[in-house]
Amino acid sequence: MKQGIHPTWIENAKVVCACGSVFETGSVLPSIRVDICSKCHPLFTGQQKFVDILGQVDKFKKFTEKAAVKGEEKRKIKEARDAKVVIDKTEKPSLKDLLMQARKSLRS
């Protein structure tokens, strides 16, 4: 092993969790801050917990709300377009309809 290139090992490094739990472990850093430890992790506690450090859950909720509003607007626009198409078809017969009427009148 080369001398002088490895970090110093600290036997009693302090680990502080966001829940307030403090324990010691070995590390190259004197103190470590963590968000979840074995005392608050859902696997060990059996309780569901949402960890949202960067606000990603709120961002997702806002995105889904905006998507729902836009979806409703698109649905209204589509309904208006469909209603317009139905009105246009009822007022003016299509070329196909005119040809079918002409065939019927020739046969009779």
C-alpha atoms as a PDB file:
ATOM      1  CA  MET A   1       0.000   0.000   0.000  1.00  0.00           C
ATOM      2  CA  LYS A   2       1.384   3.416  -0.952  1.00  0.00           C
ATOM      3  CA  GLN A   3       1.983   5.901   1.822  1.00  0.00           C
ATOM      4  CA  GLY A   4       0.331   9.335   1.875  1.00  0.00           C
ATOM      5  CA  ILE A   5      -2.449   8.735  -0.697  1.00  0.00           C
ATOM      6  CA  HIS A   6      -5.127   7.211   1.520  1.00  0.00           C
ATOM      7  CA  PRO A   7      -7.489   9.299   3.675  1.00  0.00           C
ATOM      8  CA  THR A   8      -7.319   8.948   7.424  1.00  0.00           C
ATOM      9  CA  TRP A   9      -9.783   6.488   8.929  1.00  0.00           C
ATOM     10  CA  ILE A  10     -11.867   7.749  11.822  1.00  0.00           C
ATOM     11  CA  GLU A  11     -13.142   4.953  14.064  1.00  0.00           C
ATOM     12  CA  ASN A  12     -15.805   6.989  15.867  1.00  0.00           C
ATOM     13  CA  ALA A  13     -17.429   9.089  13.143  1.00  0.00           C
ATOM     14  CA  LYS A  14     -20.721  10.617  14.277  1.00  0.00           C
ATOM     15  CA  VAL A  15     -23.811   9.984  12.097  1.00  0.00           C
ATOM     16  CA  VAL A  16     -26.778  12.339  12.661  1.00  0.00           C
ATOM     17  CA  CYS A  17     -30.148  11.488  11.118  1.00  0.00           C
ATOM     18  CA  ALA A  18     -32.936  13.950  10.260  1.00  0.00           C
ATOM     19  CA  CYS A  19     -35.153  12.176  12.813  1.00  0.00           C
ATOM     20  CA  GLY A  20     -32.685  13.080  15.581  1.00  0.00           C
ATOM     21  CA  SER A  21     -31.028   9.714  15.985  1.00  0.00           C
ATOM     22  CA  VAL A  22     -27.254   9.784  16.556  1.00  0.00           C
ATOM     23  CA  PHE A  23     -24.881   6.813  16.300  1.00  0.00           C
ATOM     24  CA  GLU A  24     -21.215   6.161  15.625  1.00  0.00           C
ATOM     25  CA  THR A  25     -19.520   4.269  12.803  1.00  0.00           C
ATOM     26  CA  GLY A  26     -16.198   4.192  10.999  1.00  0.00           C
ATOM     27  CA  SER A  27     -15.638   6.672   8.163  1.00  0.00           C
ATOM     28  CA  VAL A  28     -13.167   9.040   6.556  1.00  0.00           C
ATOM     29  CA  LEU A  29     -15.402  11.978   7.532  1.00  0.00           C
ATOM     30  CA  PRO A  30     -15.694  13.094  11.163  1.00  0.00           C
ATOM     31  CA  SER A  31     -19.476  13.679  10.981  1.00  0.00           C
ATOM     32  CA  ILE A  32     -22.150  12.570   8.495  1.00  0.00           C
ATOM     33  CA  ARG A  33     -25.726  13.849   8.110  1.00  0.00           C
ATOM     34  CA  VAL A  34     -28.313  11.433   6.665  1.00  0.00           C
ATOM     35  CA  ASP A  35     -32.033  11.722   5.893  1.00  0.00           C
ATOM     36  CA  ILE A  36     -33.080   8.189   6.850  1.00  0.00           C
ATOM     37  CA  CYS A  37     -31.584   5.752   9.346  1.00  0.00           C
ATOM     38  CA  SER A  38     -32.599   2.333  10.656  1.00  0.00           C
ATOM     39  CA  LYS A  39     -34.789   3.941  13.335  1.00  0.00           C
ATOM     40  CA  CYS A  40     -36.980   5.854  10.860  1.00  0.00           C
ATOM     41  CA  HIS A  41     -36.726   3.776   7.649  1.00  0.00           C
ATOM     42  CA  PRO A  42     -40.093   2.235   6.586  1.00  0.00           C
ATOM     43  CA  LEU A  43     -38.515  -1.210   6.198  1.00  0.00           C
ATOM     44  CA  PHE A  44     -37.578  -1.307   9.877  1.00  0.00           C
ATOM     45  CA  THR A  45     -40.499   0.667  11.349  1.00  0.00           C
ATOM     46  CA  GLY A  46     -43.340  -0.765   9.238  1.00  0.00           C
ATOM     47  CA  GLN A  47     -44.831   2.697   8.735  1.00  0.00           C
ATOM     48  CA  GLN A  48     -45.043   4.448   5.399  1.00  0.00           C
ATOM     49  CA  LYS A  49     -43.076   7.674   5.210  1.00  0.00           C
ATOM     50  CA  PHE A  50     -42.572  10.083   2.330  1.00  0.00           C
ATOM     51  CA  VAL A  51     -39.122  11.620   2.108  1.00  0.00           C
ATOM     52  CA  ASP A  52     -39.218  14.699  -0.063  1.00  0.00           C
ATOM     53  CA  ILE A  53     -35.959  16.594   0.081  1.00  0.00           C
ATOM     54  CA  LEU A  54     -36.203  18.605  -3.114  1.00  0.00           C
ATOM     55  CA  GLY A  55     -39.978  19.138  -3.231  1.00  0.00           C
ATOM     56  CA  GLN A  56     -40.451  16.521  -5.941  1.00  0.00           C
ATOM     57  CA  VAL A  57     -43.762  15.259  -4.535  1.00  0.00           C
ATOM     58  CA  ASP A  58     -45.246  18.770  -4.535  1.00  0.00           C
ATOM     59  CA  LYS A  59     -43.866  19.368  -8.015  1.00  0.00           C
ATOM     60  CA  PHE A  60     -45.516  16.141  -9.233  1.00  0.00           C
ATOM     61  CA  LYS A  61     -48.850  17.081  -7.636  1.00  0.00           C
ATOM     62  CA  LYS A  62     -48.777  20.511  -9.319  1.00  0.00           C
ATOM     63  CA  PHE A  63     -47.919  18.847 -12.642  1.00  0.00           C
ATOM     64  CA  THR A  64     -50.850  16.421 -12.366  1.00  0.00           C
ATOM     65  CA  GLU A  65     -53.232  19.258 -11.455  1.00  0.00           C
ATOM     66  CA  LYS A  66     -52.103  21.254 -14.494  1.00  0.00           C
ATOM     67  CA  ALA A  67     -52.436  18.159 -16.676  1.00  0.00           C
ATOM     68  CA  ALA A  68     -55.996  17.594 -15.422  1.00  0.00           C
ATOM     69  CA  VAL A  69     -56.941  21.207 -16.223  1.00  0.00           C
ATOM     70  CA  LYS A  70     -55.391  20.981 -19.688  1.00  0.00           C
ATOM     71  CA  GLY A  71     -57.117  17.647 -20.287  1.00  0.00           C
ATOM     72  CA  GLU A  72     -60.462  19.209 -19.410  1.00  0.00           C
ATOM     73  CA  GLU A  73     -59.798  22.115 -21.792  1.00  0.00           C
ATOM     74  CA  LYS A  74     -58.831  19.700 -24.577  1.00  0.00           C
ATOM     75  CA  ARG A  75     -61.986  17.661 -23.947  1.00  0.00           C
ATOM     76  CA  LYS A  76     -64.152  20.794 -24.245  1.00  0.00           C
ATOM     77  CA  ILE A  77     -62.413  21.827 -27.465  1.00  0.00           C
ATOM     78  CA  LYS A  78     -62.856  18.336 -28.909  1.00  0.00           C
ATOM     79  CA  GLU A  79     -66.552  18.318 -28.004  1.00  0.00           C
ATOM     80  CA  ALA A  80     -66.995  21.709 -29.663  1.00  0.00           C
ATOM     81  CA  ARG A  81     -65.234  20.471 -32.808  1.00  0.00           C
ATOM     82  CA  ASP A  82     -67.310  17.287 -32.893  1.00  0.00           C
ATOM     83  CA  ALA A  83     -70.518  19.291 -32.485  1.00  0.00           C
ATOM     84  CA  LYS A  84     -69.461  21.602 -35.306  1.00  0.00           C
ATOM     85  CA  VAL A  85     -68.775  18.659 -37.606  1.00  0.00           C
ATOM     86  CA  VAL A  86     -72.184  17.158 -36.864  1.00  0.00           C
ATOM     87  CA  ILE A  87     -73.899  20.464 -37.640  1.00  0.00           C
ATOM     88  CA  ASP A  88     -71.986  20.834 -40.911  1.00  0.00           C
ATOM     89  CA  LYS A  89     -72.915  17.307 -42.005  1.00  0.00           C
ATOM     90  CA  THR A  90     -76.587  17.770 -41.268  1.00  0.00           C
ATOM     91  CA  GLU A  91     -76.839  21.062 -43.139  1.00  0.00           C
ATOM     92  CA  LYS A  92     -74.952  20.085 -46.299  1.00  0.00           C
ATOM     93  CA  PRO A  93     -75.181  16.643 -47.898  1.00  0.00           C
ATOM     94  CA  SER A  94     -71.872  15.139 -48.891  1.00  0.00           C
ATOM     95  CA  LEU A  95     -70.939  14.197 -52.448  1.00  0.00           C
ATOM     96  CA  LYS A  96     -71.467  10.546 -51.579  1.00  0.00           C
ATOM     97  CA  ASP A  97     -74.997  11.287 -50.354  1.00  0.00           C
ATOM     98  CA  LEU A  98     -75.781  13.229 -53.536  1.00  0.00           C
ATOM     99  CA  LEU A  99     -74.538  10.369 -55.731  1.00  0.00           C
ATOM    100  CA  MET A 100     -76.598   7.828 -53.785  1.00  0.00           C
ATOM    101  CA  GLN A 101     -79.710   9.992 -54.214  1.00  0.00           C
ATOM    102  CA  ALA A 102     -78.985  10.298 -57.957  1.00  0.00           C
ATOM    103  CA  ARG A 103     -78.704   6.490 -58.302  1.00  0.00           C
ATOM    104  CA  LYS A 104     -81.953   5.966 -56.454  1.00  0.00           C
ATOM    105  CA  SER A 105     -83.749   8.467 -58.663  1.00  0.00           C
ATOM    106  CA  LEU A 106     -82.392   6.804 -61.841  1.00  0.00           C
ATOM    107  CA  ARG A 107     -83.547   3.353 -60.720  1.00  0.00           C
ATOM    108  CA  SER A 108     -87.068   4.487 -59.969  1.00  0.00           C
END
